Amino acid sequence: MISRRIDEKAIARAKSLIDRAEHIVTVCHTGPDGDAIGSCLAAMHVFSALGKDIRVVIPDPALANLRTLPGAKEMVDASKFGEFAARLIREADLILCLDFNELSRTGRIQPLLEGAKAPMVVIDHHLNPSIDAAAVISHPEMAATAYLMFRVFCRLELFNFIDKNAAECLLAGMMTDTGNFAYNCSDPELFDVTAELVRKGADKEKLYNSLFNTFSANCLKLNSYAMLKKMEVFEGEGAALITLSRDELNRFHYVKGDTEGLVNRPLAIPGIVYSCFMRQEADCIRVSMRSRGDFPVNEVCSEYFGGGGHLNAAGGEFYGSLDEAAERFRSILLENKKRYIDK
């Protein structure tokens, strides 16, 4: 049996807003991942079944493997259809903010949300939500926003409206935010929910193959190059670093998503507690970190790379050269060892 964890007052406020709404827009953070896309699409399926007019607006394109999820073709990409996205947000009478804790994480649609007249409902699992919303359902202890969404649907008495499509989207969000249940999955009820979604018709094997086991030849070559030529292992400090420049990415015809999961690979090495991957973009260095156990990469990303995230999965940005970003990481290895590993 799945326990009740969501505050009754928050659920009541969200229910009142949803019941009254006719035109709902659901939005997520920039660089939308599987949890963000899965949560938004699940909301679209469930609330459409209730007869609501609901649209999904994303700040920029989703990864190719996520565009195979049910309903993904109906998403409105604000980077391509800016005026249409602005009109949808402007005319909405309810905005669902899913999988982000502050408006600054929504990129180009932030000004649209700040100027919106519609009330907002936040459903998220990141720390310290700062959005001025009519209802906030925040549970950082939960493995994924999609996991939280399932619980919200149940508390709204909408379990029977979760069809195969919604179940598949929710399961995709849960799988991607846990690395196919490899981390952030110590909550036994996470697997109870997974079982319910499979009973609803979600095909976990198909999802695994599309989300984790489908790669282009260029993608495989890029990842092999990164591991062979660009991985640095700091055995004494329990860390690893991989860096890729724009020239290196271009050499292998990089497309968005080709390095997804690369940051996790060094964690397979015995003794490596945390891993960092840095990718050079046009305007900054993107930083991703993963860890095992209780090593808090969210604190490291927050303190040194202006980012944040979860205990074992976080990210940030560095404004400078790739060499400078890598040197900053190397410079904190000993301090991290003393603070988090040798404590």
Protein backbone atom coordinates (compact mmCIF):
# COMPACT_ATOMS: atom_id res chain seq x y z
CA MET A 1 0.00 0.00 0.00
CA ILE A 2 1.28 3.45 -0.92
CA SER A 3 1.41 5.86 2.02
CA ARG A 4 0.01 9.38 2.09
CA ARG A 5 2.78 11.98 2.19
CA ILE A 6 1.38 15.06 0.48
CA ASP A 7 -0.05 17.84 2.62
CA GLU A 8 -3.86 17.83 2.58
CA LYS A 9 -4.11 21.61 2.27
CA ALA A 10 -1.78 21.71 -0.74
CA ILE A 11 -3.80 19.00 -2.48
CA ALA A 12 -7.05 20.82 -1.72
CA ARG A 13 -5.72 24.08 -3.19
CA ALA A 14 -4.43 22.31 -6.30
CA LYS A 15 -7.73 20.45 -6.76
CA SER A 16 -9.74 23.64 -6.50
CA LEU A 17 -7.60 25.35 -9.14
CA ILE A 18 -7.65 22.37 -11.50
CA ASP A 19 -11.41 21.90 -11.16
CA ARG A 20 -12.05 25.53 -12.13
CA ALA A 21 -9.51 25.68 -14.96
CA GLU A 22 -10.53 25.27 -18.58
CA HIS A 23 -7.27 26.14 -20.36
CA ILE A 24 -4.20 24.66 -18.68
CA VAL A 25 -0.58 25.04 -19.74
CA THR A 26 2.10 22.84 -18.24
CA VAL A 27 5.73 24.02 -18.40
CA CYS A 28 9.12 22.65 -17.39
CA HIS A 29 12.75 23.69 -17.10
CA THR A 30 15.19 24.45 -19.89
CA GLY A 31 17.06 21.48 -21.32
CA PRO A 32 14.09 19.26 -20.44
CA ASP A 33 15.05 15.79 -19.29
CA GLY A 34 12.99 12.62 -19.04
CA ASP A 35 11.46 13.56 -15.71
CA ALA A 36 10.35 16.98 -16.94
CA ILE A 37 8.96 15.71 -20.25
CA GLY A 38 7.40 12.60 -18.70
CA SER A 39 5.67 14.61 -15.98
CA CYS A 40 4.32 17.20 -18.41
CA LEU A 41 3.04 14.63 -20.89
CA ALA A 42 1.44 12.57 -18.13
CA ALA A 43 -0.40 15.68 -16.94
CA MET A 44 -1.55 16.30 -20.51
CA HIS A 45 -2.93 12.77 -20.85
CA VAL A 46 -4.68 12.70 -17.47
CA PHE A 47 -6.22 16.16 -17.58
CA SER A 48 -7.23 15.76 -21.23
CA ALA A 49 -9.17 12.69 -20.13
CA LEU A 50 -10.97 14.98 -17.69
CA GLY A 51 -12.04 17.18 -20.60
CA LYS A 52 -9.53 19.97 -19.96
CA ASP A 53 -7.87 21.93 -22.75
CA ILE A 54 -4.22 21.40 -21.81
CA ARG A 55 -1.01 22.13 -23.71
CA VAL A 56 2.64 21.41 -22.95
CA VAL A 57 5.12 24.25 -23.53
CA ILE A 58 8.83 23.46 -23.34
CA PRO A 59 11.58 26.14 -23.42
CA ASP A 60 13.79 24.29 -25.91
CA PRO A 61 13.91 20.96 -27.77
CA ALA A 62 13.67 17.63 -25.97
CA LEU A 63 16.18 14.87 -26.59
CA ALA A 64 15.37 12.59 -29.53
CA ASN A 65 14.70 9.57 -27.31
CA LEU A 66 12.09 11.55 -25.35
CA ARG A 67 10.29 12.60 -28.50
CA THR A 68 9.12 9.00 -28.86
CA LEU A 69 6.96 9.22 -25.71
CA PRO A 70 3.17 9.23 -26.20
CA GLY A 71 1.95 12.74 -26.98
CA ALA A 72 5.41 14.23 -27.45
CA LYS A 73 4.55 15.46 -30.95
CA GLU A 74 1.96 17.80 -29.41
CA MET A 75 4.49 19.68 -27.28
CA VAL A 76 5.05 23.33 -28.19
CA ASP A 77 8.76 24.19 -28.35
CA ALA A 78 9.12 27.87 -27.46
CA SER A 79 12.48 28.06 -29.22
CA LYS A 80 10.70 27.35 -32.53
CA PHE A 81 7.16 28.60 -31.93
CA GLY A 82 7.72 31.52 -29.58
CA GLU A 83 4.60 33.51 -30.46
CA PHE A 84 2.35 30.49 -30.15
CA ALA A 85 3.90 29.54 -26.81
CA ALA A 86 3.45 33.11 -25.57
CA ARG A 87 -0.22 33.10 -26.59
CA LEU A 88 -0.89 29.79 -24.85
CA ILE A 89 0.65 31.05 -21.61
CA ARG A 90 -1.10 34.40 -21.89
CA GLU A 91 -4.53 32.79 -22.42
CA ALA A 92 -4.16 30.03 -19.82
CA ASP A 93 -6.26 30.12 -16.67
CA LEU A 94 -3.89 27.73 -14.88
CA ILE A 95 -0.16 27.03 -15.26
CA LEU A 96 1.37 23.81 -13.96
CA CYS A 97 5.07 24.25 -13.17
CA LEU A 98 6.58 20.77 -13.19
CA ASP A 99 10.08 19.65 -12.22
CA PHE A 100 11.62 23.04 -11.40
CA ASN A 101 11.88 25.12 -8.25
CA GLU A 102 12.53 28.62 -9.56
CA LEU A 103 11.44 30.54 -12.64
CA SER A 104 15.03 31.26 -13.67
CA ARG A 105 15.31 27.59 -14.68
CA THR A 106 12.77 28.07 -17.48
CA GLY A 107 15.04 30.05 -19.80
CA ARG A 108 13.31 31.94 -22.60
CA ILE A 109 9.82 31.42 -21.18
CA GLN A 110 10.70 33.00 -17.81
CA PRO A 111 9.44 36.48 -18.85
CA LEU A 112 6.19 34.91 -20.10
CA LEU A 113 5.64 33.18 -16.77
CA GLU A 114 6.52 36.29 -14.79
CA GLY A 115 3.94 38.25 -16.77
CA ALA A 116 1.25 35.58 -16.70
CA LYS A 117 -2.05 36.37 -14.98
CA ALA A 118 -3.01 32.74 -14.41
CA PRO A 119 -2.36 31.13 -11.01
CA MET A 120 0.42 28.59 -10.84
CA VAL A 121 0.67 25.16 -9.25
CA VAL A 122 4.18 23.90 -8.56
CA ILE A 123 4.82 20.15 -8.39
CA ASP A 124 8.50 19.43 -7.94
CA HIS A 125 11.17 17.46 -6.11
CA HIS A 126 14.01 20.00 -6.01
CA LEU A 127 15.11 21.78 -2.85
CA ASN A 128 13.85 25.18 -1.70
CA PRO A 129 11.12 26.18 -4.19
CA SER A 130 11.00 29.95 -4.63
CA ILE A 131 8.09 30.36 -7.05
CA ASP A 132 5.19 32.54 -5.89
CA ALA A 133 2.48 30.01 -6.66
CA ALA A 134 -1.10 29.47 -5.54
CA ALA A 135 -0.21 25.90 -4.56
CA VAL A 136 3.18 24.31 -4.00
CA ILE A 137 3.62 20.54 -3.74
CA SER A 138 7.32 20.08 -3.04
CA HIS A 139 8.92 16.80 -1.97
CA PRO A 140 12.72 16.79 -2.43
CA GLU A 141 12.95 13.37 -0.82
CA MET A 142 11.14 11.79 -3.76
CA ALA A 143 13.23 10.26 -6.54
CA ALA A 144 11.48 12.04 -9.42
CA THR A 145 8.77 14.58 -10.10
CA ALA A 146 7.03 11.86 -12.14
CA TYR A 147 6.89 9.72 -8.99
CA LEU A 148 5.37 12.67 -7.15
CA MET A 149 2.93 13.25 -10.02
CA PHE A 150 1.59 9.70 -9.66
CA ARG A 151 0.92 10.40 -5.99
CA VAL A 152 -0.74 13.72 -6.85
CA PHE A 153 -3.03 12.02 -9.37
CA CYS A 154 -4.00 9.47 -6.75
CA ARG A 155 -4.71 12.13 -4.13
CA LEU A 156 -6.82 13.99 -6.68
CA GLU A 157 -8.77 10.74 -7.11
CA LEU A 158 -7.63 10.44 -10.72
CA PHE A 159 -6.00 7.02 -10.55
CA ASN A 160 -8.54 5.61 -13.01
CA PHE A 161 -7.65 8.37 -15.51
CA ILE A 162 -4.03 7.18 -15.73
CA ASP A 163 -4.12 5.25 -19.00
CA LYS A 164 -1.33 3.38 -20.78
CA ASN A 165 0.04 6.57 -22.33
CA ALA A 166 0.15 8.46 -19.03
CA ALA A 167 1.66 5.44 -17.28
CA GLU A 168 4.41 5.17 -19.89
CA CYS A 169 5.27 8.86 -19.50
CA LEU A 170 5.38 8.63 -15.71
CA LEU A 171 7.56 5.53 -15.81
CA ALA A 172 9.92 7.21 -18.28
CA GLY A 173 10.35 10.11 -15.86
CA MET A 174 11.04 7.78 -12.95
CA MET A 175 13.50 5.66 -14.96
CA THR A 176 15.51 8.59 -16.30
CA ASP A 177 15.84 10.38 -12.96
CA THR A 178 17.08 7.21 -11.26
CA GLY A 179 19.31 5.89 -14.04
CA ASN A 180 16.89 3.01 -14.59
CA PHE A 181 16.61 2.55 -10.81
CA ALA A 182 20.38 2.60 -10.23
CA TYR A 183 20.39 5.54 -7.77
CA ASN A 184 17.95 7.68 -5.76
CA CYS A 185 15.77 4.59 -5.42
CA SER A 186 15.94 3.51 -1.77
CA ASP A 187 12.23 4.21 -1.25
CA PRO A 188 10.41 0.84 -1.46
CA GLU A 189 7.20 2.55 -2.56
CA LEU A 190 8.96 3.69 -5.74
CA PHE A 191 8.75 0.08 -6.88
CA ASP A 192 5.13 -0.22 -5.78
CA VAL A 193 4.35 2.70 -8.08
CA THR A 194 6.41 1.12 -10.86
CA ALA A 195 4.34 -2.04 -10.53
CA GLU A 196 1.12 -0.02 -10.77
CA LEU A 197 2.34 1.70 -13.94
CA VAL A 198 3.27 -1.64 -15.52
CA ARG A 199 -0.21 -2.91 -14.65
CA LYS A 200 -1.58 0.16 -16.43
CA GLY A 201 0.21 -1.00 -19.57
CA ALA A 202 3.60 0.75 -19.47
CA ASP A 203 6.17 -1.36 -21.30
CA LYS A 204 9.33 -1.07 -19.21
CA GLU A 205 11.46 -3.12 -21.59
CA LYS A 206 10.50 -0.93 -24.54
CA LEU A 207 11.18 2.20 -22.51
CA TYR A 208 14.59 0.93 -21.44
CA ASN A 209 15.59 0.26 -25.04
CA SER A 210 14.42 3.66 -26.29
CA LEU A 211 15.72 5.67 -23.33
CA PHE A 212 18.97 3.92 -22.46
CA ASN A 213 19.93 1.51 -25.22
CA THR A 214 19.58 3.29 -28.57
CA PHE A 215 22.63 5.12 -29.96
CA SER A 216 23.89 6.39 -33.29
CA ALA A 217 27.29 5.27 -34.57
CA ASN A 218 28.66 8.80 -34.01
CA CYS A 219 27.36 8.76 -30.44
CA LEU A 220 29.13 5.48 -29.67
CA LYS A 221 32.37 6.76 -31.21
CA LEU A 222 32.18 10.00 -29.23
CA ASN A 223 31.61 8.21 -25.94
CA SER A 224 34.42 5.73 -26.65
CA TYR A 225 36.77 8.60 -27.44
CA ALA A 226 35.78 10.41 -24.26
CA MET A 227 36.48 7.37 -22.09
CA LEU A 228 39.73 6.44 -23.81
CA LYS A 229 41.29 9.84 -24.37
CA LYS A 230 39.61 12.36 -22.07
CA MET A 231 38.89 10.62 -18.77
CA GLU A 232 41.10 11.58 -15.84
CA VAL A 233 40.96 9.36 -12.77
CA PHE A 234 42.04 10.73 -9.39
CA GLU A 235 42.18 7.53 -7.38
CA GLY A 236 43.50 9.12 -4.19
CA GLU A 237 40.67 11.65 -4.15
CA GLY A 238 37.93 9.25 -5.29
CA ALA A 239 37.07 11.36 -8.33
CA ALA A 240 37.01 11.34 -12.12
CA LEU A 241 36.76 14.05 -14.76
CA ILE A 242 35.83 13.99 -18.45
CA THR A 243 36.02 17.09 -20.64
CA LEU A 244 34.96 17.61 -24.26
CA SER A 245 35.64 20.74 -26.30
CA ARG A 246 33.48 22.03 -29.14
CA ASP A 247 36.09 20.88 -31.65
CA GLU A 248 35.96 17.36 -30.21
CA LEU A 249 32.17 17.34 -30.20
CA ASN A 250 32.05 18.58 -33.79
CA ARG A 251 34.56 15.94 -34.88
CA PHE A 252 32.00 13.28 -33.97
CA HIS A 253 28.99 15.24 -35.33
CA TYR A 254 27.55 15.73 -31.85
CA VAL A 255 23.82 16.20 -31.47
CA LYS A 256 22.00 16.97 -28.26
CA GLY A 257 21.78 13.86 -26.10
CA ASP A 258 24.89 12.09 -27.42
CA THR A 259 26.70 12.51 -24.10
CA GLU A 260 23.68 11.61 -21.95
CA GLY A 261 24.85 9.22 -19.23
CA LEU A 262 28.56 9.70 -19.94
CA VAL A 263 29.10 11.27 -16.52
CA ASN A 264 27.96 8.04 -14.84
CA ARG A 265 30.51 5.76 -16.50
CA PRO A 266 33.51 6.48 -14.20
CA LEU A 267 31.43 5.55 -11.15
CA ALA A 268 31.88 1.92 -12.22
CA ILE A 269 35.55 2.19 -11.22
CA PRO A 270 36.13 0.84 -7.67
CA GLY A 271 36.95 3.66 -5.29
CA ILE A 272 35.50 6.44 -7.45
CA VAL A 273 32.93 8.28 -5.35
CA TYR A 274 32.02 11.13 -7.70
CA SER A 275 32.38 11.97 -11.37
CA CYS A 276 32.32 15.22 -13.32
CA PHE A 277 31.68 15.81 -17.01
CA MET A 278 32.32 19.17 -18.67
CA ARG A 279 31.04 20.01 -22.14
CA GLN A 280 31.92 23.21 -23.96
CA GLU A 281 28.90 25.13 -25.26
CA ALA A 282 28.80 28.36 -27.25
CA ASP A 283 28.29 30.53 -24.17
CA CYS A 284 29.61 28.51 -21.23
CA ILE A 285 30.93 25.21 -19.94
CA ARG A 286 28.14 22.83 -18.92
CA VAL A 287 29.01 20.88 -15.80
CA SER A 288 27.37 17.60 -14.78
CA MET A 289 28.19 15.61 -11.65
CA ARG A 290 27.13 12.25 -10.29
CA SER A 291 28.08 10.45 -7.10
CA ARG A 292 27.49 7.35 -5.06
CA GLY A 293 26.59 7.03 -1.39
CA ASP A 294 26.26 10.25 0.59
CA PHE A 295 28.70 12.39 -1.41
CA PRO A 296 26.71 15.63 -2.06
CA VAL A 297 27.46 16.73 -5.61
CA ASN A 298 24.62 19.25 -5.29
CA GLU A 299 26.71 21.14 -2.71
CA VAL A 300 29.81 21.02 -4.90
CA CYS A 301 27.92 22.28 -7.96
CA SER A 302 26.26 25.01 -5.93
CA GLU A 303 29.46 26.25 -4.32
CA TYR A 304 31.82 26.09 -7.29
CA PHE A 305 29.72 26.05 -10.46
CA GLY A 306 26.64 28.15 -9.67
CA GLY A 307 24.26 25.24 -9.93
CA GLY A 308 22.64 22.59 -7.78
CA GLY A 309 20.44 19.54 -7.97
CA HIS A 310 20.17 16.38 -5.94
CA LEU A 311 22.54 14.60 -3.57
CA ASN A 312 23.80 12.18 -6.24
CA ALA A 313 22.97 14.09 -9.44
CA ALA A 314 23.61 17.77 -10.01
CA GLY A 315 24.90 20.29 -12.52
CA GLY A 316 26.06 23.83 -13.06
CA GLU A 317 27.84 26.21 -15.41
CA PHE A 318 31.25 27.82 -15.69
CA TYR A 319 31.93 31.03 -17.59
CA GLY A 320 35.47 30.80 -18.87
CA SER A 321 37.57 28.37 -20.85
CA LEU A 322 37.28 24.60 -20.65
CA ASP A 323 40.82 24.41 -19.27
CA GLU A 324 39.93 26.89 -16.53
CA ALA A 325 36.82 24.92 -15.62
CA ALA A 326 38.79 21.68 -15.44
CA GLU A 327 41.45 23.35 -13.30
CA ARG A 328 38.80 24.59 -10.89
CA PHE A 329 37.58 21.01 -10.48
CA ARG A 330 41.10 19.71 -9.91
CA SER A 331 41.76 22.45 -7.36
CA ILE A 332 38.92 21.30 -5.10
CA LEU A 333 39.70 17.58 -5.11
CA LEU A 334 41.64 17.57 -1.85
CA GLU A 335 39.11 19.82 -0.11
CA ASN A 336 36.24 17.58 -1.22
CA LYS A 337 38.10 14.53 0.05
CA LYS A 338 38.57 16.10 3.47
CA ARG A 339 35.02 17.48 3.70
CA TYR A 340 32.99 14.61 2.30
CA ILE A 341 35.04 11.44 1.99
CA ASP A 342 37.37 11.42 5.00
CA LYS A 343 34.84 12.96 7.37
